[in-house]
């Protein structure tokens, strides 16, 4: 199953279930920071917009 969502995510593990918490963040600012690092592929910034 594939879930794509352009929000940050973290998981809280409970004894009987996993709780996924999604929070909005500034994707443009984050992508710009990734693009500013020459050693990183621009693809890493672009994938944020797809929720990957």
N, C-alpha and C. Protein backbone atom coordinates (compact mmCIF):
# COMPACT_ATOMS: atom_id res chain seq x y z
N UNK A 1 0.85 -1.18 0.00
CA UNK A 1 0.00 0.00 0.00
C UNK A 1 0.89 1.24 0.00
N UNK A 2 0.58 2.18 -0.84
CA UNK A 2 1.39 3.38 -0.96
C UNK A 2 0.56 4.59 -0.54
N UNK A 3 1.15 5.37 0.37
CA UNK A 3 0.50 6.60 0.83
C UNK A 3 1.42 7.76 0.51
N UNK A 4 0.95 8.66 -0.31
CA UNK A 4 1.75 9.85 -0.62
C UNK A 4 1.06 11.06 -0.05
N UNK A 5 1.79 11.80 0.75
CA UNK A 5 1.25 12.98 1.39
C UNK A 5 2.41 13.94 1.61
N UNK A 6 2.28 15.15 1.11
CA UNK A 6 3.37 16.11 1.20
C UNK A 6 3.35 16.83 2.55
N UNK A 7 3.35 16.05 3.62
CA UNK A 7 3.49 16.58 4.97
C UNK A 7 4.52 15.73 5.70
N UNK A 8 5.14 16.29 6.72
CA UNK A 8 6.08 15.52 7.53
C UNK A 8 5.28 14.47 8.30
N UNK A 9 5.94 13.39 8.66
CA UNK A 9 5.24 12.31 9.35
C UNK A 9 6.14 11.70 10.41
N UNK A 10 5.53 11.35 11.51
CA UNK A 10 6.22 10.52 12.50
C UNK A 10 5.22 9.50 13.03
N UNK A 11 5.73 8.47 13.68
CA UNK A 11 4.87 7.37 14.13
C UNK A 11 5.04 7.20 15.63
N UNK A 12 3.92 7.01 16.30
CA UNK A 12 3.92 6.63 17.71
C UNK A 12 3.49 5.17 17.77
N UNK A 13 4.35 4.33 18.33
CA UNK A 13 4.03 2.91 18.43
C UNK A 13 3.35 2.64 19.77
N UNK A 14 2.15 2.14 19.70
CA UNK A 14 1.39 1.74 20.87
C UNK A 14 1.47 0.21 20.95
N UNK A 15 1.17 -0.37 22.10
CA UNK A 15 1.22 -1.83 22.20
C UNK A 15 0.33 -2.55 21.17
N UNK A 16 -0.78 -1.92 20.77
CA UNK A 16 -1.72 -2.59 19.89
C UNK A 16 -1.87 -1.96 18.50
N UNK A 17 -1.11 -0.88 18.24
CA UNK A 17 -1.29 -0.21 16.95
C UNK A 17 -0.16 0.79 16.72
N UNK A 18 -0.08 1.25 15.48
CA UNK A 18 0.85 2.32 15.11
C UNK A 18 0.01 3.55 14.75
N UNK A 19 0.37 4.68 15.32
CA UNK A 19 -0.36 5.94 15.07
C UNK A 19 0.52 6.86 14.23
N UNK A 20 0.08 7.15 13.02
CA UNK A 20 0.83 8.02 12.12
C UNK A 20 0.35 9.46 12.31
N UNK A 21 1.27 10.35 12.60
CA UNK A 21 0.97 11.77 12.80
C UNK A 21 1.58 12.53 11.64
N UNK A 22 0.77 13.29 10.95
CA UNK A 22 1.25 14.10 9.82
C UNK A 22 1.11 15.58 10.18
N UNK A 23 2.16 16.33 9.88
CA UNK A 23 2.16 17.75 10.19
C UNK A 23 2.63 18.54 8.97
N UNK A 24 2.02 19.69 8.73
CA UNK A 24 2.46 20.51 7.59
C UNK A 24 3.84 21.13 7.86
N UNK A 25 4.55 21.39 6.81
CA UNK A 25 5.82 22.10 6.92
C UNK A 25 6.06 22.85 5.62
N UNK A 26 7.02 23.74 5.64
CA UNK A 26 7.32 24.57 4.47
C UNK A 26 8.17 23.76 3.49
N UNK A 27 7.50 23.13 2.54
CA UNK A 27 8.20 22.28 1.58
C UNK A 27 9.15 23.10 0.71
N UNK A 28 8.74 24.29 0.29
CA UNK A 28 9.60 25.13 -0.55
C UNK A 28 10.92 25.45 0.15
N UNK A 29 10.84 25.83 1.41
CA UNK A 29 12.07 26.18 2.16
C UNK A 29 12.96 24.96 2.33
N UNK A 30 12.36 23.81 2.61
CA UNK A 30 13.14 22.59 2.77
C UNK A 30 13.78 22.17 1.45
N UNK A 31 13.02 22.23 0.36
CA UNK A 31 13.56 21.89 -0.96
C UNK A 31 14.70 22.84 -1.34
N UNK A 32 14.55 24.12 -1.05
CA UNK A 32 15.61 25.09 -1.35
C UNK A 32 16.89 24.76 -0.58
N UNK A 33 16.76 24.33 0.66
CA UNK A 33 17.93 23.97 1.46
C UNK A 33 18.63 22.74 0.89
N UNK A 34 17.83 21.78 0.42
CA UNK A 34 18.42 20.59 -0.20
C UNK A 34 19.15 20.98 -1.48
N UNK A 35 18.53 21.80 -2.31
CA UNK A 35 19.15 22.22 -3.58
C UNK A 35 20.43 23.03 -3.34
N UNK A 36 20.55 23.68 -2.20
CA UNK A 36 21.72 24.50 -1.90
C UNK A 36 22.95 23.66 -1.53
N UNK A 37 22.77 22.37 -1.34
CA UNK A 37 23.88 21.48 -0.99
C UNK A 37 24.32 20.75 -2.25
N UNK A 38 25.46 21.12 -2.81
CA UNK A 38 25.89 20.55 -4.09
C UNK A 38 26.02 19.03 -4.09
N UNK A 39 26.34 18.45 -2.95
CA UNK A 39 26.53 17.00 -2.89
C UNK A 39 25.22 16.22 -2.98
N UNK A 40 24.08 16.90 -2.84
CA UNK A 40 22.79 16.22 -2.89
C UNK A 40 22.15 16.37 -4.27
N UNK A 41 21.51 15.32 -4.69
CA UNK A 41 20.82 15.34 -5.97
C UNK A 41 19.58 16.23 -5.88
N UNK A 42 19.30 17.03 -6.92
CA UNK A 42 18.08 17.84 -6.93
C UNK A 42 16.82 16.99 -6.83
N UNK A 43 16.91 15.73 -7.23
CA UNK A 43 15.78 14.82 -7.13
C UNK A 43 15.29 14.70 -5.68
N UNK A 44 16.20 14.78 -4.72
CA UNK A 44 15.80 14.69 -3.32
C UNK A 44 14.87 15.83 -2.93
N UNK A 45 15.05 17.00 -3.52
CA UNK A 45 14.17 18.13 -3.25
C UNK A 45 12.84 17.95 -3.97
N UNK A 46 12.88 17.49 -5.22
CA UNK A 46 11.65 17.36 -6.00
C UNK A 46 10.71 16.31 -5.43
N UNK A 47 11.26 15.25 -4.86
CA UNK A 47 10.42 14.18 -4.34
C UNK A 47 9.58 14.63 -3.15
N UNK A 48 9.99 15.69 -2.48
CA UNK A 48 9.20 16.18 -1.35
C UNK A 48 7.80 16.61 -1.78
N UNK A 49 7.69 17.16 -2.98
CA UNK A 49 6.41 17.63 -3.48
C UNK A 49 5.45 16.47 -3.78
N UNK A 50 6.00 15.30 -3.97
CA UNK A 50 5.19 14.09 -4.21
C UNK A 50 4.89 13.34 -2.93
N UNK A 51 5.43 13.81 -1.82
CA UNK A 51 5.23 13.10 -0.57
C UNK A 51 6.05 11.82 -0.48
N UNK A 52 7.23 11.83 -1.13
CA UNK A 52 8.10 10.66 -1.08
C UNK A 52 9.34 10.95 -0.28
